[in-house]
Amino acid sequence: MLHDGSLDLRNMTRETEEWLGKIGIESVQEFTKLGAKKAYLQILEAGHEPDEELRCRLIGAEQDIDWHIIAERDKHQAKSRFADVDEP
């Protein structure tokens, strides 16, 4: 399913929304229930390569802050939060 920005989550690009759609996330409530880490894991399982920007976008969406803040302020924390997911 293609998305048109209607997911209404902060930090979402068309591509990010498409990946969320591929894993069945169609609403803010579904994303909130699943959480950033589980969403990221499912996106990887669906075929997306590990991606630091995607991690930051999802954490930012979960916390309702701009993903650039996560990337600058919490890059190490974001990376360590997802370390077990990115490991082969």
PDB file of N, CA and C in Angstrom:
ATOM      1  N   MET A   1       0.842  -1.187   0.000  1.00  0.00           N
ATOM      2  CA  MET A   1       0.000   0.000   0.000  1.00  0.00           C
ATOM      3  C   MET A   1       0.881   1.242   0.000  1.00  0.00           C
ATOM      4  N   LEU A   2       0.589   2.193  -0.831  1.00  0.00           N
ATOM      5  CA  LEU A   2       1.329   3.452  -0.871  1.00  0.00           C
ATOM      6  C   LEU A   2       0.666   4.446   0.063  1.00  0.00           C
ATOM      7  N   HIS A   3       1.502   5.230   0.706  1.00  0.00           N
ATOM      8  CA  HIS A   3       1.003   6.206   1.673  1.00  0.00           C
ATOM      9  C   HIS A   3       1.172   7.617   1.137  1.00  0.00           C
ATOM     10  N   ASP A   4       0.304   8.483   1.593  1.00  0.00           N
ATOM     11  CA  ASP A   4       0.276   9.853   1.095  1.00  0.00           C
ATOM     12  C   ASP A   4       0.519  10.881   2.192  1.00  0.00           C
ATOM     13  N   GLY A   5       1.165  10.477   3.273  1.00  0.00           N
ATOM     14  CA  GLY A   5       1.397  11.393   4.378  1.00  0.00           C
ATOM     15  C   GLY A   5       0.278  11.398   5.381  1.00  0.00           C
ATOM     16  N   SER A   6      -0.675  10.496   5.238  1.00  0.00           N
ATOM     17  CA  SER A   6      -1.832  10.495   6.114  1.00  0.00           C
ATOM     18  C   SER A   6      -1.599   9.760   7.431  1.00  0.00           C
ATOM     19  N   LEU A   7      -0.444   9.149   7.609  1.00  0.00           N
ATOM     20  CA  LEU A   7      -0.171   8.444   8.858  1.00  0.00           C
ATOM     21  C   LEU A   7      -0.073   9.422  10.025  1.00  0.00           C
ATOM     22  N   ASP A   8       0.310  10.649   9.738  1.00  0.00           N
ATOM     23  CA  ASP A   8       0.342  11.722  10.737  1.00  0.00           C
ATOM     24  C   ASP A   8       1.297  11.440  11.893  1.00  0.00           C
ATOM     25  N   LEU A   9       2.439  10.843  11.572  1.00  0.00           N
ATOM     26  CA  LEU A   9       3.519  10.675  12.537  1.00  0.00           C
ATOM     27  C   LEU A   9       4.628  11.635  12.168  1.00  0.00           C
ATOM     28  N   ARG A  10       5.255  12.203  13.170  1.00  0.00           N
ATOM     29  CA  ARG A  10       6.388  13.099  12.942  1.00  0.00           C
ATOM     30  C   ARG A  10       7.512  12.318  12.272  1.00  0.00           C
ATOM     31  N   ASN A  11       8.247  12.978  11.393  1.00  0.00           N
ATOM     32  CA  ASN A  11       9.473  12.458  10.774  1.00  0.00           C
ATOM     33  C   ASN A  11       9.255  11.477   9.631  1.00  0.00           C
ATOM     34  N   MET A  12       8.030  11.255   9.215  1.00  0.00           N
ATOM     35  CA  MET A  12       7.789  10.254   8.195  1.00  0.00           C
ATOM     36  C   MET A  12       7.988  10.811   6.795  1.00  0.00           C
ATOM     37  N   THR A  13       8.744  10.081   6.017  1.00  0.00           N
ATOM     38  CA  THR A  13       8.861  10.347   4.591  1.00  0.00           C
ATOM     39  C   THR A  13       7.920   9.377   3.887  1.00  0.00           C
ATOM     40  N   ARG A  14       7.736   9.577   2.629  1.00  0.00           N
ATOM     41  CA  ARG A  14       6.904   8.644   1.858  1.00  0.00           C
ATOM     42  C   ARG A  14       7.463   7.225   1.980  1.00  0.00           C
ATOM     43  N   GLU A  15       8.780   7.099   1.859  1.00  0.00           N
ATOM     44  CA  GLU A  15       9.400   5.776   1.943  1.00  0.00           C
ATOM     45  C   GLU A  15       9.192   5.153   3.329  1.00  0.00           C
ATOM     46  N   THR A  16       9.363   5.945   4.373  1.00  0.00           N
ATOM     47  CA  THR A  16       9.179   5.424   5.729  1.00  0.00           C
ATOM     48  C   THR A  16       7.743   4.966   5.929  1.00  0.00           C
ATOM     49  N   GLU A  17       6.794   5.745   5.451  1.00  0.00           N
ATOM     50  CA  GLU A  17       5.388   5.347   5.555  1.00  0.00           C
ATOM     51  C   GLU A  17       5.114   4.079   4.764  1.00  0.00           C
ATOM     52  N   GLU A  18       5.746   3.952   3.601  1.00  0.00           N
ATOM     53  CA  GLU A  18       5.557   2.737   2.816  1.00  0.00           C
ATOM     54  C   GLU A  18       6.077   1.518   3.561  1.00  0.00           C
ATOM     55  N   TRP A  19       7.248   1.659   4.203  1.00  0.00           N
ATOM     56  CA  TRP A  19       7.789   0.547   4.983  1.00  0.00           C
ATOM     57  C   TRP A  19       6.884   0.226   6.165  1.00  0.00           C
ATOM     58  N   LEU A  20       6.365   1.240   6.840  1.00  0.00           N
ATOM     59  CA  LEU A  20       5.438   0.983   7.942  1.00  0.00           C
ATOM     60  C   LEU A  20       4.177   0.287   7.434  1.00  0.00           C
ATOM     61  N   GLY A  21       3.704   0.702   6.276  1.00  0.00           N
ATOM     62  CA  GLY A  21       2.539   0.049   5.674  1.00  0.00           C
ATOM     63  C   GLY A  21       2.801  -1.416   5.354  1.00  0.00           C
ATOM     64  N   LYS A  22       4.022  -1.715   4.910  1.00  0.00           N
ATOM     65  CA  LYS A  22       4.369  -3.104   4.592  1.00  0.00           C
ATOM     66  C   LYS A  22       4.316  -4.008   5.818  1.00  0.00           C
ATOM     67  N   ILE A  23       4.521  -3.425   6.998  1.00  0.00           N
ATOM     68  CA  ILE A  23       4.466  -4.241   8.213  1.00  0.00           C
ATOM     69  C   ILE A  23       3.115  -4.100   8.917  1.00  0.00           C
ATOM     70  N   GLY A  24       2.175  -3.425   8.273  1.00  0.00           N
ATOM     71  CA  GLY A  24       0.816  -3.348   8.791  1.00  0.00           C
ATOM     72  C   GLY A  24       0.497  -2.165   9.668  1.00  0.00           C
ATOM     73  N   ILE A  25       1.383  -1.181   9.732  1.00  0.00           N
ATOM     74  CA  ILE A  25       1.122   0.018  10.538  1.00  0.00           C
ATOM     75  C   ILE A  25       0.351   1.011   9.682  1.00  0.00           C
ATOM     76  N   GLU A  26      -0.900   1.236  10.052  1.00  0.00           N
ATOM     77  CA  GLU A  26      -1.764   2.132   9.294  1.00  0.00           C
ATOM     78  C   GLU A  26      -2.265   3.314  10.121  1.00  0.00           C
ATOM     79  N   SER A  27      -1.863   3.371  11.404  1.00  0.00           N
ATOM     80  CA  SER A  27      -2.335   4.467  12.253  1.00  0.00           C
ATOM     81  C   SER A  27      -1.287   4.794  13.316  1.00  0.00           C
ATOM     82  N   VAL A  28      -1.421   5.974  13.886  1.00  0.00           N
ATOM     83  CA  VAL A  28      -0.550   6.386  14.979  1.00  0.00           C
ATOM     84  C   VAL A  28      -0.712   5.414  16.150  1.00  0.00           C
ATOM     85  N   GLN A  29      -1.929   4.998  16.416  1.00  0.00           N
ATOM     86  CA  GLN A  29      -2.187   4.084  17.522  1.00  0.00           C
ATOM     87  C   GLN A  29      -1.464   2.747  17.322  1.00  0.00           C
ATOM     88  N   GLU A  30      -1.471   2.237  16.100  1.00  0.00           N
ATOM     89  CA  GLU A  30      -0.770   0.980  15.824  1.00  0.00           C
ATOM     90  C   GLU A  30       0.730   1.144  16.005  1.00  0.00           C
ATOM     91  N   PHE A  31       1.270   2.273  15.554  1.00  0.00           N
ATOM     92  CA  PHE A  31       2.702   2.527  15.734  1.00  0.00           C
ATOM     93  C   PHE A  31       3.039   2.646  17.217  1.00  0.00           C
ATOM     94  N   THR A  32       2.232   3.390  17.951  1.00  0.00           N
ATOM     95  CA  THR A  32       2.465   3.590  19.374  1.00  0.00           C
ATOM     96  C   THR A  32       2.423   2.252  20.121  1.00  0.00           C
ATOM     97  N   LYS A  33       1.468   1.422  19.788  1.00  0.00           N
ATOM     98  CA  LYS A  33       1.340   0.117  20.437  1.00  0.00           C
ATOM     99  C   LYS A  33       2.559  -0.765  20.143  1.00  0.00           C
ATOM    100  N   LEU A  34       3.038  -0.736  18.903  1.00  0.00           N
ATOM    101  CA  LEU A  34       4.182  -1.562  18.516  1.00  0.00           C
ATOM    102  C   LEU A  34       5.488  -0.997  19.054  1.00  0.00           C
ATOM    103  N   GLY A  35       5.662   0.309  18.957  1.00  0.00           N
ATOM    104  CA  GLY A  35       6.889   0.966  19.413  1.00  0.00           C
ATOM    105  C   GLY A  35       7.951   1.012  18.329  1.00  0.00           C
ATOM    106  N   ALA A  36       8.888   1.920  18.499  1.00  0.00           N
ATOM    107  CA  ALA A  36       9.923   2.172  17.499  1.00  0.00           C
ATOM    108  C   ALA A  36      10.818   0.960  17.266  1.00  0.00           C
ATOM    109  N   LYS A  37      11.252   0.337  18.334  1.00  0.00           N
ATOM    110  CA  LYS A  37      12.196  -0.777  18.185  1.00  0.00           C
ATOM    111  C   LYS A  37      11.554  -1.969  17.476  1.00  0.00           C
ATOM    112  N   LYS A  38      10.360  -2.343  17.870  1.00  0.00           N
ATOM    113  CA  LYS A  38       9.688  -3.473  17.218  1.00  0.00           C
ATOM    114  C   LYS A  38       9.339  -3.133  15.770  1.00  0.00           C
ATOM    115  N   ALA A  39       8.940  -1.882  15.529  1.00  0.00           N
ATOM    116  CA  ALA A  39       8.657  -1.478  14.155  1.00  0.00           C
ATOM    117  C   ALA A  39       9.921  -1.585  13.313  1.00  0.00           C
ATOM    118  N   TYR A  40      11.040  -1.121  13.854  1.00  0.00           N
ATOM    119  CA  TYR A  40      12.315  -1.189  13.139  1.00  0.00           C
ATOM    120  C   TYR A  40      12.682  -2.646  12.845  1.00  0.00           C
ATOM    121  N   LEU A  41      12.531  -3.520  13.826  1.00  0.00           N
ATOM    122  CA  LEU A  41      12.846  -4.930  13.643  1.00  0.00           C
ATOM    123  C   LEU A  41      11.981  -5.533  12.533  1.00  0.00           C
ATOM    124  N   GLN A  42      10.711  -5.234  12.548  1.00  0.00           N
ATOM    125  CA  GLN A  42       9.815  -5.773  11.520  1.00  0.00           C
ATOM    126  C   GLN A  42      10.137  -5.205  10.144  1.00  0.00           C
ATOM    127  N   ILE A  43      10.547  -3.945  10.082  1.00  0.00           N
ATOM    128  CA  ILE A  43      10.941  -3.346   8.805  1.00  0.00           C
ATOM    129  C   ILE A  43      12.179  -4.050   8.266  1.00  0.00           C
ATOM    130  N   LEU A  44      13.136  -4.358   9.139  1.00  0.00           N
ATOM    131  CA  LEU A  44      14.318  -5.103   8.706  1.00  0.00           C
ATOM    132  C   LEU A  44      13.930  -6.498   8.221  1.00  0.00           C
ATOM    133  N   GLU A  45      13.044  -7.151   8.950  1.00  0.00           N
ATOM    134  CA  GLU A  45      12.590  -8.489   8.553  1.00  0.00           C
ATOM    135  C   GLU A  45      11.866  -8.456   7.215  1.00  0.00           C
ATOM    136  N   ALA A  46      11.256  -7.312   6.896  1.00  0.00           N
ATOM    137  CA  ALA A  46      10.551  -7.157   5.621  1.00  0.00           C
ATOM    138  C   ALA A  46      11.495  -6.831   4.464  1.00  0.00           C
ATOM    139  N   GLY A  47      12.805  -6.659   4.760  1.00  0.00           N
ATOM    140  CA  GLY A  47      13.765  -6.479   3.684  1.00  0.00           C
ATOM    141  C   GLY A  47      14.550  -5.185   3.659  1.00  0.00           C
ATOM    142  N   HIS A  48      14.269  -4.261   4.549  1.00  0.00           N
ATOM    143  CA  HIS A  48      15.013  -2.996   4.586  1.00  0.00           C
ATOM    144  C   HIS A  48      16.371  -3.234   5.235  1.00  0.00           C
ATOM    145  N   GLU A  49      17.392  -2.595   4.727  1.00  0.00           N
ATOM    146  CA  GLU A  49      18.736  -2.684   5.306  1.00  0.00           C
ATOM    147  C   GLU A  49      18.800  -1.849   6.595  1.00  0.00           C
ATOM    148  N   PRO A  50      19.645  -2.256   7.565  1.00  0.00           N
ATOM    149  CA  PRO A  50      19.824  -1.420   8.762  1.00  0.00           C
ATOM    150  C   PRO A  50      20.186   0.013   8.369  1.00  0.00           C
ATOM    151  N   ASP A  51      19.591   0.978   9.051  1.00  0.00           N
ATOM    152  CA  ASP A  51      19.705   2.368   8.633  1.00  0.00           C
ATOM    153  C   ASP A  51      19.602   3.277   9.856  1.00  0.00           C
ATOM    154  N   GLU A  52      20.675   4.019  10.125  1.00  0.00           N
ATOM    155  CA  GLU A  52      20.705   4.913  11.281  1.00  0.00           C
ATOM    156  C   GLU A  52      19.626   5.990  11.194  1.00  0.00           C
ATOM    157  N   GLU A  53      19.416   6.548  10.018  1.00  0.00           N
ATOM    158  CA  GLU A  53      18.393   7.588   9.876  1.00  0.00           C
ATOM    159  C   GLU A  53      17.006   7.029  10.182  1.00  0.00           C
ATOM    160  N   LEU A  54      16.728   5.824   9.698  1.00  0.00           N
ATOM    161  CA  LEU A  54      15.431   5.211   9.974  1.00  0.00           C
ATOM    162  C   LEU A  54      15.238   5.006  11.473  1.00  0.00           C
ATOM    163  N   ARG A  55      16.270   4.527  12.159  1.00  0.00           N
ATOM    164  CA  ARG A  55      16.188   4.376  13.623  1.00  0.00           C
ATOM    165  C   ARG A  55      15.829   5.713  14.270  1.00  0.00           C
ATOM    166  N   CYS A  56      16.534   6.760  13.875  1.00  0.00           N
ATOM    167  CA  CYS A  56      16.300   8.086  14.461  1.00  0.00           C
ATOM    168  C   CYS A  56      14.906   8.606  14.130  1.00  0.00           C
ATOM    169  N   ARG A  57      14.448   8.374  12.908  1.00  0.00           N
ATOM    170  CA  ARG A  57      13.097   8.804  12.526  1.00  0.00           C
ATOM    171  C   ARG A  57      12.046   8.101  13.381  1.00  0.00           C
ATOM    172  N   LEU A  58      12.211   6.802  13.592  1.00  0.00           N
ATOM    173  CA  LEU A  58      11.232   6.050  14.370  1.00  0.00           C
ATOM    174  C   LEU A  58      11.255   6.447  15.843  1.00  0.00           C
ATOM    175  N   ILE A  59      12.440   6.626  16.415  1.00  0.00           N
ATOM    176  CA  ILE A  59      12.532   7.078  17.806  1.00  0.00           C
ATOM    177  C   ILE A  59      11.921   8.466  17.938  1.00  0.00           C
ATOM    178  N   GLY A  60      12.228   9.352  16.997  1.00  0.00           N
ATOM    179  CA  GLY A  60      11.651  10.693  17.020  1.00  0.00           C
ATOM    180  C   GLY A  60      10.138  10.660  16.919  1.00  0.00           C
ATOM    181  N   ALA A  61       9.617   9.769  16.079  1.00  0.00           N
ATOM    182  CA  ALA A  61       8.162   9.640  15.964  1.00  0.00           C
ATOM    183  C   ALA A  61       7.571   9.147  17.280  1.00  0.00           C
ATOM    184  N   GLU A  62       8.233   8.187  17.892  1.00  0.00           N
ATOM    185  CA  GLU A  62       7.762   7.641  19.165  1.00  0.00           C
ATOM    186  C   GLU A  62       7.755   8.709  20.255  1.00  0.00           C
ATOM    187  N   GLN A  63       8.775   9.566  20.255  1.00  0.00           N
ATOM    188  CA  GLN A  63       8.901  10.612  21.279  1.00  0.00           C
ATOM    189  C   GLN A  63       8.304  11.942  20.841  1.00  0.00           C
ATOM    190  N   ASP A  64       7.808  12.005  19.612  1.00  0.00           N
ATOM    191  CA  ASP A  64       7.225  13.218  19.022  1.00  0.00           C
ATOM    192  C   ASP A  64       8.202  14.391  19.032  1.00  0.00           C
ATOM    193  N   ILE A  65       9.449  14.094  18.605  1.00  0.00           N
ATOM    194  CA  ILE A  65      10.448  15.140  18.417  1.00  0.00           C
ATOM    195  C   ILE A  65      11.127  14.942  17.065  1.00  0.00           C
ATOM    196  N   ASP A  66      11.720  15.993  16.556  1.00  0.00           N
ATOM    197  CA  ASP A  66      12.382  15.944  15.257  1.00  0.00           C
ATOM    198  C   ASP A  66      13.516  14.922  15.270  1.00  0.00           C
ATOM    199  N   TRP A  67      13.598  14.134  14.229  1.00  0.00           N
ATOM    200  CA  TRP A  67      14.607  13.064  14.182  1.00  0.00           C
ATOM    201  C   TRP A  67      16.025  13.599  14.178  1.00  0.00           C
ATOM    202  N   HIS A  68      16.227  14.827  13.718  1.00  0.00           N
ATOM    203  CA  HIS A  68      17.560  15.419  13.725  1.00  0.00           C
ATOM    204  C   HIS A  68      18.084  15.589  15.151  1.00  0.00           C
ATOM    205  N   ILE A  69      17.179  15.861  16.081  1.00  0.00           N
ATOM    206  CA  ILE A  69      17.567  15.993  17.478  1.00  0.00           C
ATOM    207  C   ILE A  69      18.089  14.654  17.995  1.00  0.00           C
ATOM    208  N   ILE A  70      17.392  13.585  17.662  1.00  0.00           N
ATOM    209  CA  ILE A  70      17.845  12.245  18.052  1.00  0.00           C
ATOM    210  C   ILE A  70      19.213  11.978  17.428  1.00  0.00           C
ATOM    211  N   ALA A  71      19.357  12.273  16.153  1.00  0.00           N
ATOM    212  CA  ALA A  71      20.607  12.005  15.441  1.00  0.00           C
ATOM    213  C   ALA A  71      21.771  12.776  16.058  1.00  0.00           C
ATOM    214  N   GLU A  72      21.547  14.014  16.450  1.00  0.00           N
ATOM    215  CA  GLU A  72      22.618  14.840  17.008  1.00  0.00           C
ATOM    216  C   GLU A  72      22.844  14.582  18.494  1.00  0.00           C
ATOM    217  N   ARG A  73      21.774  14.567  19.255  1.00  0.00           N
ATOM    218  CA  ARG A  73      21.872  14.493  20.706  1.00  0.00           C
ATOM    219  C   ARG A  73      22.035  13.073  21.219  1.00  0.00           C
ATOM    220  N   ASP A  74      21.314  12.161  20.620  1.00  0.00           N
ATOM    221  CA  ASP A  74      21.218  10.822  21.184  1.00  0.00           C
ATOM    222  C   ASP A  74      21.693   9.734  20.235  1.00  0.00           C
ATOM    223  N   LYS A  75      22.594  10.091  19.314  1.00  0.00           N
ATOM    224  CA  LYS A  75      23.026   9.119  18.308  1.00  0.00           C
ATOM    225  C   LYS A  75      23.551   7.842  18.966  1.00  0.00           C
ATOM    226  N   HIS A  76      24.416   7.969  19.948  1.00  0.00           N
ATOM    227  CA  HIS A  76      24.979   6.788  20.602  1.00  0.00           C
ATOM    228  C   HIS A  76      23.888   5.984  21.304  1.00  0.00           C
ATOM    229  N   GLN A  77      23.002   6.681  22.009  1.00  0.00           N
ATOM    230  CA  GLN A  77      21.917   6.007  22.718  1.00  0.00           C
ATOM    231  C   GLN A  77      20.988   5.296  21.732  1.00  0.00           C
ATOM    232  N   ALA A  78      20.665   5.953  20.620  1.00  0.00           N
ATOM    233  CA  ALA A  78      19.796   5.338  19.623  1.00  0.00           C
ATOM    234  C   ALA A  78      20.455   4.098  19.038  1.00  0.00           C
ATOM    235  N   LYS A  79      21.737   4.195  18.753  1.00  0.00           N
ATOM    236  CA  LYS A  79      22.450   3.055  18.187  1.00  0.00           C
ATOM    237  C   LYS A  79      22.495   1.902  19.179  1.00  0.00           C
ATOM    238  N   SER A  80      22.770   2.186  20.439  1.00  0.00           N
ATOM    239  CA  SER A  80      22.852   1.103  21.418  1.00  0.00           C
ATOM    240  C   SER A  80      21.473   0.521  21.710  1.00  0.00           C
ATOM    241  N   ARG A  81      20.427   1.326  21.644  1.00  0.00           N
ATOM    242  CA  ARG A  81      19.065   0.833  21.858  1.00  0.00           C
ATOM    243  C   ARG A  81      18.696  -0.221  20.825  1.00  0.00           C
ATOM    244  N   PHE A  82      19.230  -0.097  19.617  1.00  0.00           N
ATOM    245  CA  PHE A  82      18.910  -1.011  18.536  1.00  0.00           C
ATOM    246  C   PHE A  82      20.045  -1.982  18.218  1.00  0.00           C
ATOM    247  N   ALA A  83      21.081  -2.032  19.058  1.00  0.00           N
ATOM    248  CA  ALA A  83      22.265  -2.846  18.760  1.00  0.00           C
ATOM    249  C   ALA A  83      21.918  -4.298  18.530  1.00  0.00           C
ATOM    250  N   ASP A  84      21.057  -4.868  19.338  1.00  0.00           N
ATOM    251  CA  ASP A  84      20.718  -6.276  19.161  1.00  0.00           C
ATOM    252  C   ASP A  84      19.923  -6.528  17.892  1.00  0.00           C
ATOM    253  N   VAL A  85      19.270  -5.516  17.366  1.00  0.00           N
ATOM    254  CA  VAL A  85      18.495  -5.657  16.144  1.00  0.00           C
ATOM    255  C   VAL A  85      19.399  -5.653  14.925  1.00  0.00           C
ATOM    256  N   ASP A  86      20.406  -4.786  14.912  1.00  0.00           N
ATOM    257  CA  ASP A  86      21.275  -4.633  13.749  1.00  0.00           C
ATOM    258  C   ASP A  86      22.344  -5.703  13.642  1.00  0.00           C
ATOM    259  N   GLU A  87      22.577  -6.454  14.712  1.00  0.00           N
ATOM    260  CA  GLU A  87      23.607  -7.476  14.665  1.00  0.00           C
ATOM    261  C   GLU A  87      23.178  -8.606  13.748  1.00  0.00           C
ATOM    262  N   PRO A  88      24.111  -9.119  12.934  1.00  0.00           N
ATOM    263  CA  PRO A  88      23.750 -10.228  12.024  1.00  0.00           C
ATOM    264  C   PRO A  88      23.461 -11.510  12.782  1.00  0.00           C
TER     265      PRO A  88
END
